[in-house]
């Protein structure tokens, strides 16, 4: 991936810094993309220009605990609380053909297979125990939750910013 001089590389969300854990600068990560947060990984805090290194990684994939370079005390961790963590896309794992980054889907128009008006725009990708869910809003039906499963999602066109869903499977005609 190339970028223009002075332009930051594209980054993917890796989580949000949560409450401090212990006294050494460690903290919990909320809404973590655990695969991006391995020990030694380079992460950006709140859009900083220079990455920080993950010096410590413990906890679980659902609730990881990290310590980053530049954070050596509980006060340092508290000062970071609520700030987003991102990773340069070039350091993120390769996705399969039917996988997408959440930030690529947010803002896509959701269209019914049967035609007609858009159902709205994807405003969030939410992780549920059985599958991920597209939260769609701004359409004639108001908020709509669409499971990210093959029966419901017929086509994803990220460059075209469009997702086609099977409105019959989703029982949207009722």
Protein backbone atom coordinates (compact mmCIF):
# COMPACT_ATOMS: atom_id res chain seq x y z
CA UNK A 1 0.00 0.00 0.00
CA UNK A 2 1.30 3.42 -0.84
CA UNK A 3 0.48 6.77 0.62
CA UNK A 4 1.28 10.33 -0.37
CA UNK A 5 3.94 12.19 1.62
CA UNK A 6 2.42 13.44 4.86
CA UNK A 7 -0.62 11.19 4.50
CA UNK A 8 -1.20 8.55 7.19
CA UNK A 9 -1.56 4.95 6.00
CA UNK A 10 -5.07 3.54 6.12
CA UNK A 11 -5.79 2.17 9.56
CA UNK A 12 -8.26 -0.35 10.90
CA UNK A 13 -9.96 -0.11 14.30
CA UNK A 14 -8.46 -2.42 16.93
CA UNK A 15 -10.52 -1.40 19.97
CA UNK A 16 -10.93 1.34 22.54
CA UNK A 17 -8.80 1.84 25.63
CA UNK A 18 -10.80 0.96 28.72
CA UNK A 19 -10.14 1.19 32.44
CA UNK A 20 -6.68 0.78 33.92
CA UNK A 21 -5.56 -2.63 35.17
CA UNK A 22 -2.96 -2.57 37.90
CA UNK A 23 -0.27 0.04 38.44
CA UNK A 24 2.11 -0.55 35.50
CA UNK A 25 0.22 1.31 32.74
CA UNK A 26 -1.84 -1.69 31.62
CA UNK A 27 -5.48 -1.32 30.61
CA UNK A 28 -8.43 -3.32 29.33
CA UNK A 29 -9.43 -3.01 25.68
CA UNK A 30 -13.12 -2.57 24.87
CA UNK A 31 -14.55 -3.89 21.57
CA UNK A 32 -11.18 -5.45 20.84
CA UNK A 33 -10.09 -6.88 17.50
CA UNK A 34 -7.88 -9.37 19.33
CA UNK A 35 -6.07 -10.60 16.20
CA UNK A 36 -4.60 -7.10 15.78
CA UNK A 37 -3.35 -6.78 19.37
CA UNK A 38 -0.55 -9.31 19.74
CA UNK A 39 2.52 -8.59 21.86
CA UNK A 40 4.94 -6.62 19.72
CA UNK A 41 2.21 -5.18 17.46
CA UNK A 42 2.43 -1.53 16.43
CA UNK A 43 -0.75 0.38 17.33
CA UNK A 44 -1.79 4.00 17.05
CA UNK A 45 -3.59 5.75 19.91
CA UNK A 46 -6.23 8.31 18.95
CA UNK A 47 -4.72 9.03 15.52
CA UNK A 48 -1.18 9.70 16.79
CA UNK A 49 1.39 9.94 13.98
CA UNK A 50 3.82 7.53 15.62
CA UNK A 51 2.81 4.00 16.61
CA UNK A 52 3.27 2.51 20.06
CA UNK A 53 4.40 -1.05 20.71
CA UNK A 54 2.25 -3.54 22.60
CA UNK A 55 4.70 -4.43 25.39
CA UNK A 56 2.36 -6.68 27.36
CA UNK A 57 -0.67 -8.72 26.31
CA UNK A 58 -2.72 -10.80 28.73
CA UNK A 59 -6.37 -11.41 29.50
CA UNK A 60 -8.64 -13.06 26.95
CA UNK A 61 -9.48 -12.32 23.32
CA UNK A 62 -12.85 -10.96 24.49
CA UNK A 63 -11.25 -8.78 27.14
CA UNK A 64 -7.53 -8.29 26.45
CA UNK A 65 -5.24 -6.40 28.78
CA UNK A 66 -2.46 -4.37 27.14
CA UNK A 67 0.43 -2.18 28.13
CA UNK A 68 1.85 0.11 25.46
CA UNK A 69 5.19 1.81 25.12
CA UNK A 70 4.96 5.26 26.68
CA UNK A 71 2.57 4.12 29.41
CA UNK A 72 4.34 3.12 32.61
CA UNK A 73 1.86 4.00 35.35
CA UNK A 74 -1.79 3.82 36.26
CA UNK A 75 -2.02 7.57 35.63
CA UNK A 76 -0.68 7.03 32.09
CA UNK A 77 -3.33 4.36 31.48
CA UNK A 78 -6.08 6.58 32.94
CA UNK A 79 -5.03 9.41 30.61
CA UNK A 80 -5.55 7.13 27.59
CA UNK A 81 -8.98 5.86 28.65
CA UNK A 82 -11.65 6.17 25.96
CA UNK A 83 -9.18 6.70 23.12
CA UNK A 84 -9.40 4.52 20.00
CA UNK A 85 -6.68 2.06 19.01
CA UNK A 86 -5.92 1.47 15.34
CA UNK A 87 -3.44 -0.60 13.36
CA UNK A 88 -2.00 0.18 9.93
CA UNK A 89 -3.92 -1.86 7.35
CA UNK A 90 -0.66 -3.21 5.96
CA UNK A 91 -0.02 -4.96 9.32
CA UNK A 92 -3.51 -6.42 9.60
CA UNK A 93 -4.12 -10.07 8.71
CA UNK A 94 -5.21 -10.84 5.15
CA UNK A 95 -8.97 -11.28 4.80
CA UNK A 96 -10.70 -14.10 2.93
CA UNK A 97 -12.86 -13.25 -0.10
CA UNK A 98 -16.06 -13.21 1.98
CA UNK A 99 -14.62 -11.21 4.89
CA UNK A 100 -14.73 -7.44 5.32
CA UNK A 101 -13.43 -4.81 7.68
CA UNK A 102 -16.22 -3.20 9.69
CA UNK A 103 -15.10 0.26 8.60
CA UNK A 104 -15.54 -0.79 4.95
CA UNK A 105 -19.19 -1.72 5.54
CA UNK A 106 -20.20 1.31 7.61
CA UNK A 107 -21.85 3.82 5.30
CA UNK A 108 -22.83 1.26 2.64
CA UNK A 109 -26.35 1.50 1.27
CA UNK A 110 -28.46 -1.60 1.98
CA UNK A 111 -30.67 -2.55 -0.94
CA UNK A 112 -33.45 -5.19 -1.06
CA UNK A 113 -33.13 -7.93 -3.70
CA UNK A 114 -36.68 -7.21 -4.87
CA UNK A 115 -35.75 -3.63 -5.78
CA UNK A 116 -37.32 -0.48 -4.47
CA UNK A 117 -36.01 2.03 -1.99
CA UNK A 118 -32.86 1.49 0.02
CA UNK A 119 -33.41 0.08 3.49
CA UNK A 120 -30.91 2.58 4.90
CA UNK A 121 -27.19 2.81 5.56
CA UNK A 122 -24.99 0.57 7.67
CA UNK A 123 -24.20 2.54 10.82
CA UNK A 124 -22.44 -0.17 12.82
CA UNK A 125 -21.23 -3.76 12.70
CA UNK A 126 -22.10 -5.48 15.99
CA UNK A 127 -20.68 -8.77 17.28
CA UNK A 128 -23.30 -11.19 18.56
CA UNK A 129 -22.55 -14.70 19.87
CA UNK A 130 -23.82 -16.50 16.75
CA UNK A 131 -22.83 -14.02 14.02
CA UNK A 132 -22.11 -10.39 13.31
CA UNK A 133 -25.02 -8.03 12.72
CA UNK A 134 -25.30 -5.03 10.42
CA UNK A 135 -27.13 -2.20 12.15
CA UNK A 136 -28.96 -0.33 9.39
CA UNK A 137 -30.67 3.02 9.91
CA UNK A 138 -32.01 5.98 7.97
CA UNK A 139 -34.42 4.04 5.78
CA UNK A 140 -38.20 3.88 5.67
CA UNK A 141 -38.31 1.13 8.33
CA UNK A 142 -36.11 2.96 10.83
CA UNK A 143 -33.50 0.82 12.56
CA UNK A 144 -33.03 -2.64 11.08
CA UNK A 145 -30.70 -5.44 12.24
CA UNK A 146 -29.42 -7.72 9.47
CA UNK A 147 -27.42 -10.86 10.31
CA UNK A 148 -24.18 -11.11 8.37
CA UNK A 149 -24.94 -14.62 7.06
CA UNK A 150 -25.06 -15.98 3.51
CA UNK A 151 -28.85 -16.43 3.53
CA UNK A 152 -29.40 -12.75 4.33
CA UNK A 153 -26.51 -11.06 2.51
CA UNK A 154 -26.55 -11.71 -1.23
CA UNK A 155 -23.83 -9.33 -2.38
CA UNK A 156 -21.33 -6.94 -0.86
CA UNK A 157 -19.88 -4.32 -3.20
CA UNK A 158 -17.46 -2.32 -1.05
CA UNK A 159 -16.14 -0.09 -3.89
CA UNK A 160 -19.75 0.61 -4.95
CA UNK A 161 -20.76 1.15 -1.25
CA UNK A 162 -23.73 -1.21 -1.66
CA UNK A 163 -24.97 -4.35 0.11
CA UNK A 164 -27.83 -6.38 -1.37
CA UNK A 165 -29.97 -8.37 1.07
CA UNK A 166 -32.61 -11.04 0.61
CA UNK A 167 -35.67 -9.16 1.84
CA UNK A 168 -37.77 -12.34 1.60
CA UNK A 169 -35.40 -14.26 3.89
CA UNK A 170 -35.44 -11.31 6.31
CA UNK A 171 -39.28 -11.27 6.16
CA UNK A 172 -39.29 -7.58 5.34
CA UNK A 173 -42.54 -7.84 3.36
CA UNK A 174 -44.56 -8.58 6.49
